Amino acid sequence: MEKVDYLKIVRRPLVVPPIGEHPWQMHMYCLDENKNKWSVILTGDLVKTIYRKCKQGVTLRCKGEHKGVLEEMKMKLFTATSLNIHKGGD
């Protein structure tokens, strides 16, 4: 059975910056249950959903590995596929 990790959004941008080629890309910082900090990059229509509904303190439930693409990631607000997540700095 795959490990399930819980992340908490600790910061999100006030505006969605046009990073890269896709104008709807969002960068967030999260903390896992061990207080490790991760940065999350989201793209596409998924970002619009998060940007409209997501607040600081929302808990994300992740199934799979931290590195690379996560599948079957679930949040209280939506279900996402193909989310890139990697460990971030300070």
Protein backbone atom coordinates (compact mmCIF):
# COMPACT_ATOMS: atom_id res chain seq x y z
CA MET A 1 0.00 0.00 0.00
CA GLU A 2 1.28 3.44 -0.89
CA LYS A 3 2.22 5.93 1.77
CA VAL A 4 -0.24 8.77 2.20
CA ASP A 5 1.22 12.15 3.06
CA TYR A 6 -0.58 15.15 4.48
CA LEU A 7 0.51 18.61 3.44
CA LYS A 8 -0.65 21.94 4.78
CA ILE A 9 -0.58 25.06 2.64
CA VAL A 10 1.39 27.67 4.53
CA ARG A 11 1.62 30.33 1.86
CA ARG A 12 0.20 31.09 -1.55
CA PRO A 13 0.72 34.05 -3.88
CA LEU A 14 -1.73 36.94 -3.75
CA VAL A 15 -1.72 36.99 -7.52
CA VAL A 16 -1.07 34.21 -10.00
CA PRO A 17 2.24 35.04 -11.70
CA PRO A 18 2.71 34.23 -15.39
CA ILE A 19 5.58 31.79 -14.87
CA GLY A 20 6.81 29.95 -17.95
CA GLU A 21 4.64 29.58 -21.03
CA HIS A 22 1.39 28.90 -19.24
CA PRO A 23 -0.16 32.02 -17.68
CA TRP A 24 -1.99 29.97 -15.05
CA GLN A 25 0.80 28.53 -12.95
CA MET A 26 0.90 28.73 -9.17
CA HIS A 27 3.68 28.15 -6.68
CA MET A 28 2.77 27.29 -3.09
CA TYR A 29 4.68 26.27 0.00
CA CYS A 30 3.45 23.35 2.08
CA LEU A 31 4.39 21.63 5.32
CA ASP A 32 4.08 17.90 5.79
CA GLU A 33 3.31 16.12 9.06
CA ASN A 34 7.02 16.23 9.98
CA LYS A 35 7.16 19.99 9.40
CA ASN A 36 9.24 19.52 6.26
CA LYS A 37 8.73 22.33 3.78
CA TRP A 38 7.75 21.55 0.19
CA SER A 39 7.12 23.72 -2.80
CA VAL A 40 4.25 22.85 -5.10
CA ILE A 41 3.83 23.95 -8.70
CA LEU A 42 0.36 23.75 -10.20
CA THR A 43 -0.74 24.52 -13.74
CA GLY A 44 -3.85 24.82 -15.87
CA ASP A 45 -7.50 24.97 -14.89
CA LEU A 46 -6.60 23.30 -11.60
CA VAL A 47 -4.88 26.51 -10.55
CA LYS A 48 -8.02 28.52 -11.20
CA THR A 49 -9.97 26.23 -8.91
CA ILE A 50 -7.37 26.43 -6.17
CA TYR A 51 -6.94 30.17 -6.53
CA ARG A 52 -10.68 30.77 -6.18
CA LYS A 53 -11.32 28.35 -3.33
CA CYS A 54 -8.11 27.61 -1.50
CA LYS A 55 -7.15 29.35 1.72
CA GLN A 56 -4.13 29.07 3.96
CA GLY A 57 -4.47 26.12 6.29
CA VAL A 58 -6.17 23.81 3.80
CA THR A 59 -4.93 20.26 4.21
CA LEU A 60 -3.93 18.23 1.17
CA ARG A 61 -4.00 14.45 1.16
CA CYS A 62 -1.36 13.03 -1.16
CA LYS A 63 -1.03 9.45 -2.34
CA GLY A 64 2.30 8.48 -3.85
CA GLU A 65 5.80 9.90 -3.76
CA HIS A 66 6.91 13.44 -3.05
CA LYS A 67 9.21 13.51 -6.06
CA GLY A 68 7.91 13.64 -9.61
CA VAL A 69 4.25 13.48 -10.54
CA LEU A 70 1.66 12.61 -7.92
CA GLU A 71 -1.51 10.84 -8.90
CA GLU A 72 -4.80 10.60 -7.06
CA MET A 73 -4.07 13.63 -4.94
CA LYS A 74 -7.11 14.68 -2.99
CA MET A 75 -8.04 17.87 -1.24
CA LYS A 76 -11.13 18.92 0.60
CA LEU A 77 -12.06 21.09 -2.36
CA PHE A 78 -11.16 19.09 -5.44
CA THR A 79 -9.47 16.00 -6.85
CA ALA A 80 -6.34 16.59 -8.88
CA THR A 81 -4.22 14.56 -11.25
CA SER A 82 -0.63 15.13 -12.34
CA LEU A 83 0.64 17.45 -9.64
CA ASN A 84 4.34 18.23 -9.47
CA ILE A 85 5.77 18.46 -5.99
CA HIS A 86 9.34 18.73 -4.75
CA LYS A 87 11.10 19.63 -1.55
CA GLY A 88 11.69 23.34 -1.24
CA GLY A 89 14.12 25.59 0.58
CA ASP A 90 13.53 28.07 3.33
